[in-house]
């Protein structure tokens, strides 16, 4: 859940920086919806995918920071922000296919992808379903299997109901941008259903050829054990300094960081993301 203080803090912190980056907003027809997106910066293309109940502003300062070195395409996914909803469930494969269709619609053949929370799982599915479209994937707060969620979160999912969300402050934030200001309850229903969707993609993750940077807080919604297991599926966890190059995929754990605090640390995120997207590796004693 993303409380209003997170949205407000992101807006306060990023207001002047975003104005400086001068993002340009537009809409494009994607799978029956009008998808809103913003383009900022210059350089290698990078698609940014937000979390559930979020939008472009609530992603905070990381978007303008990434736009300092990349041409950033920040998307608002089905029913979120200024993107319209359609008569279709929100599922990770659907979200991934929407991103692929967006790329086709604007003529973007391939890009790096940075996703957070729901957006990270959508990015993972994009790499699985449309690998030719993803250069490198940064997945922050991601899981590939339902069993990877923290026990406390799995216990909470059956208790979720629309009423507990419509009374939260971020419901009012939704109305400020939404194409349908009264559409929040319907969105909540779809996102609760999303939490119950089956996830069991171990084989698909193991088969990925796309380099992935997995980022997680040490108190995130996925367990640390699951996060490490994903890194090992991607070829990580080997010993370096043995004369062989390190695996292309990487792992970063953010200390003293809960799920909602991952996105509020743009400096730390950028320190992980930029070297990965550039393919830079720290030098050891033997190099």
Protein backbone atom coordinates (compact mmCIF):
# COMPACT_ATOMS: atom_id res chain seq x y z
CA UNK A 1 0.00 0.00 0.00
CA UNK A 2 1.24 3.45 -0.83
CA UNK A 3 0.19 6.06 1.73
CA UNK A 4 -0.50 9.67 0.85
CA UNK A 5 2.64 10.82 2.63
CA UNK A 6 4.72 8.95 0.05
CA UNK A 7 2.92 10.67 -2.81
CA UNK A 8 3.11 14.08 -1.14
CA UNK A 9 6.78 13.69 -0.28
CA UNK A 10 7.60 12.63 -3.82
CA UNK A 11 5.82 15.65 -5.24
CA UNK A 12 7.54 18.04 -2.84
CA UNK A 13 10.98 16.60 -3.46
CA UNK A 14 10.76 16.34 -7.23
CA UNK A 15 8.77 19.44 -8.20
CA UNK A 16 11.67 21.73 -9.17
CA UNK A 17 13.74 18.91 -10.68
CA UNK A 18 10.88 17.69 -12.85
CA UNK A 19 10.28 21.22 -14.11
CA UNK A 20 13.94 21.40 -15.08
CA UNK A 21 13.74 18.07 -16.93
CA UNK A 22 10.68 19.36 -18.83
CA UNK A 23 8.82 16.09 -19.39
CA UNK A 24 6.45 16.06 -22.34
CA UNK A 25 3.17 14.20 -21.83
CA UNK A 26 1.14 12.46 -24.50
CA UNK A 27 -1.40 9.67 -24.99
CA UNK A 28 -1.39 6.71 -27.33
CA UNK A 29 -3.96 4.00 -28.10
CA UNK A 30 -2.84 0.71 -26.52
CA UNK A 31 -5.01 -2.43 -26.43
CA UNK A 32 -8.26 -0.48 -26.23
CA UNK A 33 -7.12 2.10 -23.67
CA UNK A 34 -5.65 5.56 -23.93
CA UNK A 35 -2.24 5.20 -22.27
CA UNK A 36 -0.67 8.34 -20.84
CA UNK A 37 3.11 8.66 -20.82
CA UNK A 38 5.78 11.29 -20.36
CA UNK A 39 9.11 11.62 -22.15
CA UNK A 40 12.08 13.41 -20.63
CA UNK A 41 15.85 13.51 -21.02
CA UNK A 42 18.12 12.27 -23.77
CA UNK A 43 20.23 9.17 -24.31
CA UNK A 44 19.55 5.45 -24.44
CA UNK A 45 15.80 4.77 -24.07
CA UNK A 46 14.58 3.69 -20.63
CA UNK A 47 10.98 2.74 -19.80
CA UNK A 48 9.82 3.35 -16.21
CA UNK A 49 6.92 1.33 -14.75
CA UNK A 50 5.26 2.39 -11.48
CA UNK A 51 3.77 0.35 -8.66
CA UNK A 52 0.13 -0.39 -7.82
CA UNK A 53 -2.05 2.61 -6.89
CA UNK A 54 0.74 4.88 -8.16
CA UNK A 55 1.34 7.16 -11.12
CA UNK A 56 4.22 9.11 -12.63
CA UNK A 57 4.39 11.84 -9.94
CA UNK A 58 4.35 9.33 -7.08
CA UNK A 59 7.43 7.59 -8.46
CA UNK A 60 9.27 10.63 -7.16
CA UNK A 61 12.73 11.92 -7.91
CA UNK A 62 14.08 8.79 -9.59
CA UNK A 63 12.47 9.67 -12.94
CA UNK A 64 14.14 13.08 -13.39
CA UNK A 65 17.40 11.66 -12.06
CA UNK A 66 17.34 8.89 -14.67
CA UNK A 67 16.45 11.48 -17.31
CA UNK A 68 19.83 13.14 -16.74
CA UNK A 69 21.47 10.31 -18.71
CA UNK A 70 18.62 8.54 -20.53
CA UNK A 71 15.61 9.28 -22.66
CA UNK A 72 12.96 8.21 -20.15
CA UNK A 73 9.51 6.99 -21.13
CA UNK A 74 7.45 6.98 -17.92
CA UNK A 75 4.19 5.08 -18.39
CA UNK A 76 0.92 5.08 -16.46
CA UNK A 77 -0.50 1.56 -16.57
CA UNK A 78 -4.08 0.37 -17.00
CA UNK A 79 -6.49 2.40 -14.86
CA UNK A 80 -3.68 4.31 -13.13
CA UNK A 81 -3.01 8.02 -13.30
CA UNK A 82 -4.30 9.48 -16.56
CA UNK A 83 -4.53 6.15 -18.42
CA UNK A 84 -8.07 4.92 -19.00
CA UNK A 85 -9.33 1.62 -17.66
CA UNK A 86 -10.86 -1.07 -19.86
CA UNK A 87 -13.13 -4.06 -19.28
CA UNK A 88 -10.24 -6.45 -18.63
CA UNK A 89 -8.50 -7.83 -15.55
CA UNK A 90 -5.18 -6.36 -14.50
CA UNK A 91 -2.68 -9.20 -14.72
CA UNK A 92 1.09 -9.17 -15.07
CA UNK A 93 1.00 -10.72 -18.56
CA UNK A 94 -1.60 -8.14 -19.61
CA UNK A 95 0.52 -5.29 -18.27
CA UNK A 96 3.60 -6.67 -20.02
CA UNK A 97 1.74 -6.95 -23.31
CA UNK A 98 0.52 -3.35 -22.86
CA UNK A 99 4.12 -2.16 -22.55
CA UNK A 100 5.09 -4.12 -25.65
CA UNK A 101 2.14 -2.63 -27.55
CA UNK A 102 3.12 0.84 -26.33
CA UNK A 103 6.62 0.36 -27.73
CA UNK A 104 5.18 -0.74 -31.06
CA UNK A 105 2.80 2.23 -31.12
CA UNK A 106 5.57 4.83 -30.70
CA UNK A 107 8.13 2.96 -32.81
CA UNK A 108 10.47 2.02 -29.96
CA UNK A 109 12.13 -1.26 -30.87
CA UNK A 110 14.14 -1.93 -27.69
CA UNK A 111 14.79 -0.22 -24.37
CA UNK A 112 16.08 -0.63 -20.85
CA UNK A 113 13.25 -1.10 -18.34
CA UNK A 114 13.04 0.01 -14.71
CA UNK A 115 10.05 -1.24 -12.76
CA UNK A 116 9.07 -0.85 -9.12
CA UNK A 117 6.72 -3.19 -7.22
CA UNK A 118 3.84 -4.06 -9.57
CA UNK A 119 5.85 -2.44 -12.33
CA UNK A 120 8.84 -4.67 -11.59
CA UNK A 121 6.78 -7.83 -12.02
CA UNK A 122 5.27 -6.39 -15.20
CA UNK A 123 8.83 -5.70 -16.38
CA UNK A 124 9.82 -9.27 -15.55
CA UNK A 125 6.92 -10.58 -17.61
CA UNK A 126 7.89 -8.23 -20.43
CA UNK A 127 11.38 -9.76 -20.46
CA UNK A 128 9.84 -13.25 -20.40
CA UNK A 129 7.16 -12.65 -23.05
CA UNK A 130 8.93 -10.10 -25.25
CA UNK A 131 12.68 -10.57 -24.68
CA UNK A 132 13.55 -8.89 -27.96
CA UNK A 133 12.21 -5.60 -26.59
CA UNK A 134 14.24 -5.46 -23.36
CA UNK A 135 17.89 -4.51 -23.29
CA UNK A 136 18.47 -4.60 -19.51
CA UNK A 137 15.86 -4.90 -16.76
CA UNK A 138 16.00 -3.23 -13.36
CA UNK A 139 13.43 -4.89 -11.08
CA UNK A 140 12.93 -3.24 -7.68
CA UNK A 141 10.78 -5.13 -5.14
CA UNK A 142 10.08 -8.06 -7.43
CA UNK A 143 9.00 -11.69 -7.04
CA UNK A 144 8.65 -14.54 -9.51
CA UNK A 145 6.54 -16.86 -7.34
CA UNK A 146 3.61 -16.21 -5.00
CA UNK A 147 5.41 -18.15 -2.28
CA UNK A 148 8.16 -15.54 -2.35
CA UNK A 149 6.00 -12.91 -0.65
CA UNK A 150 6.50 -12.30 3.05
CA UNK A 151 4.19 -14.47 5.23
CA UNK A 152 2.64 -11.32 6.72
CA UNK A 153 1.70 -10.10 3.25
CA UNK A 154 0.30 -13.46 2.17
CA UNK A 155 -1.81 -13.50 5.34
CA UNK A 156 -3.06 -9.98 4.59
CA UNK A 157 -4.21 -10.67 1.01
CA UNK A 158 -7.42 -12.57 1.98
CA UNK A 159 -8.37 -9.67 4.25
CA UNK A 160 -8.18 -7.07 1.48
CA UNK A 161 -11.44 -5.38 0.53
CA UNK A 162 -12.44 -2.32 -1.44
CA UNK A 163 -13.63 -0.37 1.60
CA UNK A 164 -10.23 -0.36 3.32
CA UNK A 165 -8.66 1.23 0.24
CA UNK A 166 -11.31 3.78 -0.77
CA UNK A 167 -11.01 5.42 2.65
CA UNK A 168 -7.25 5.83 2.40
CA UNK A 169 -5.84 9.27 1.56
CA UNK A 170 -4.28 8.14 -1.73
CA UNK A 171 -7.82 7.51 -3.03
CA UNK A 172 -8.24 11.30 -3.10
CA UNK A 173 -4.96 11.60 -5.02
CA UNK A 174 -6.38 9.24 -7.64
CA UNK A 175 -9.26 11.60 -8.40
CA UNK A 176 -6.90 14.48 -9.24
CA UNK A 177 -5.45 12.73 -12.31
CA UNK A 178 -7.84 9.94 -13.28
CA UNK A 179 -9.61 9.90 -16.62
CA UNK A 180 -12.60 8.63 -14.61
CA UNK A 181 -12.47 10.24 -11.14
CA UNK A 182 -15.10 7.75 -9.89
CA UNK A 183 -13.20 4.70 -11.10
CA UNK A 184 -11.12 4.04 -7.99
CA UNK A 185 -13.30 1.27 -6.47
CA UNK A 186 -13.21 -0.68 -9.74
CA UNK A 187 -9.42 -0.29 -9.87
CA UNK A 188 -9.10 -1.56 -6.29
CA UNK A 189 -11.15 -4.64 -7.14
CA UNK A 190 -8.82 -5.44 -10.02
CA UNK A 191 -5.69 -4.89 -7.94
CA UNK A 192 -6.98 -7.11 -5.14
CA UNK A 193 -7.64 -9.79 -7.76
CA UNK A 194 -4.10 -9.27 -9.05
CA UNK A 195 -2.69 -10.15 -5.62
CA UNK A 196 -4.47 -13.51 -5.90
CA UNK A 197 -3.21 -14.31 -9.40
CA UNK A 198 -0.96 -17.40 -9.55
CA UNK A 199 2.75 -16.71 -9.95
CA UNK A 200 5.17 -19.58 -10.55
CA UNK A 201 7.77 -18.55 -13.12
CA UNK A 202 10.95 -20.25 -11.94
CA UNK A 203 11.60 -21.98 -15.25
CA UNK A 204 10.98 -18.79 -17.22
CA UNK A 205 13.30 -16.75 -15.01
CA UNK A 206 16.03 -19.37 -15.26
CA UNK A 207 15.76 -19.28 -19.06
CA UNK A 208 16.09 -15.49 -19.29
CA UNK A 209 19.00 -14.15 -21.31
CA UNK A 210 18.21 -10.52 -20.43
CA UNK A 211 20.55 -9.07 -17.78
CA UNK A 212 18.54 -8.22 -14.65
CA UNK A 213 19.40 -6.00 -11.70
CA UNK A 214 17.32 -7.17 -8.74
CA UNK A 215 16.87 -4.47 -6.09
CA UNK A 216 15.18 -5.13 -2.75
CA UNK A 217 14.84 -3.54 0.64
CA UNK A 218 16.01 -5.67 3.55
CA UNK A 219 12.46 -5.40 4.92
CA UNK A 220 10.68 -5.63 1.56
CA UNK A 221 7.45 -7.39 0.56
CA UNK A 222 9.42 -10.33 -0.89
CA UNK A 223 11.57 -12.37 1.47
CA UNK A 224 15.33 -12.05 1.26
CA UNK A 225 15.55 -15.79 0.62
CA UNK A 226 13.29 -15.44 -2.41
CA UNK A 227 15.27 -12.47 -3.70
CA UNK A 228 18.53 -14.38 -3.45
CA UNK A 229 16.92 -17.42 -5.08
CA UNK A 230 15.90 -15.24 -8.02
CA UNK A 231 19.44 -13.90 -8.32
CA UNK A 232 20.79 -17.45 -8.41
CA UNK A 233 18.27 -18.41 -11.11
CA UNK A 234 19.70 -15.55 -13.17
CA UNK A 235 23.23 -16.96 -12.80
CA UNK A 236 24.32 -14.85 -9.84
CA UNK A 237 25.82 -15.84 -6.51
CA UNK A 238 29.10 -17.23 -7.84
CA UNK A 239 32.55 -16.43 -6.47
CA UNK A 240 34.42 -13.65 -8.22
CA UNK A 241 38.21 -13.17 -8.45
CA UNK A 242 38.62 -16.58 -10.09
CA UNK A 243 39.56 -15.35 -13.54
CA UNK A 244 36.05 -15.46 -14.97
CA UNK A 245 33.81 -12.46 -15.70
CA UNK A 246 30.97 -11.86 -13.29
CA UNK A 247 27.43 -12.81 -14.36
CA UNK A 248 25.52 -10.14 -16.28
CA UNK A 249 22.75 -9.99 -13.66
CA UNK A 250 23.22 -8.25 -10.32
CA UNK A 251 21.71 -8.00 -6.83
CA UNK A 252 21.43 -4.94 -4.58
CA UNK A 253 19.93 -4.94 -1.06
CA UNK A 254 18.98 -1.58 0.43
CA UNK A 255 19.54 -1.46 4.21
CA UNK A 256 16.84 -0.41 6.71
CA UNK A 257 14.38 -0.25 3.83
CA UNK A 258 10.74 -1.32 3.77
CA UNK A 259 8.77 -1.84 0.59
CA UNK A 260 7.44 1.71 0.32
CA UNK A 261 10.84 3.17 1.24
CA UNK A 262 12.59 1.64 -1.78
CA UNK A 263 11.36 4.33 -4.16
CA UNK A 264 12.08 7.22 -1.76
CA UNK A 265 15.88 6.81 -2.01
CA UNK A 266 16.74 8.06 -5.52
CA UNK A 267 20.43 8.63 -4.82
CA UNK A 268 20.96 5.05 -3.69
CA UNK A 269 18.83 3.66 -6.50
CA UNK A 270 20.77 5.66 -9.06
CA UNK A 271 24.08 4.41 -7.65
CA UNK A 272 22.90 0.85 -8.34
CA UNK A 273 21.11 1.47 -11.64
CA UNK A 274 23.54 3.60 -13.63
CA UNK A 275 26.60 1.27 -13.53
CA UNK A 276 24.34 -1.68 -14.38
CA UNK A 277 22.80 0.02 -17.41
CA UNK A 278 26.28 1.05 -18.57
CA UNK A 279 27.67 -2.46 -18.03
CA UNK A 280 30.29 -1.13 -15.61
CA UNK A 281 31.83 -3.53 -13.07
CA UNK A 282 33.92 -2.51 -10.04
CA UNK A 283 37.56 -3.53 -10.40
CA UNK A 284 39.06 -6.02 -7.98
CA UNK A 285 42.64 -6.42 -6.78
CA UNK A 286 43.50 -8.88 -9.55
CA UNK A 287 42.42 -6.70 -12.47
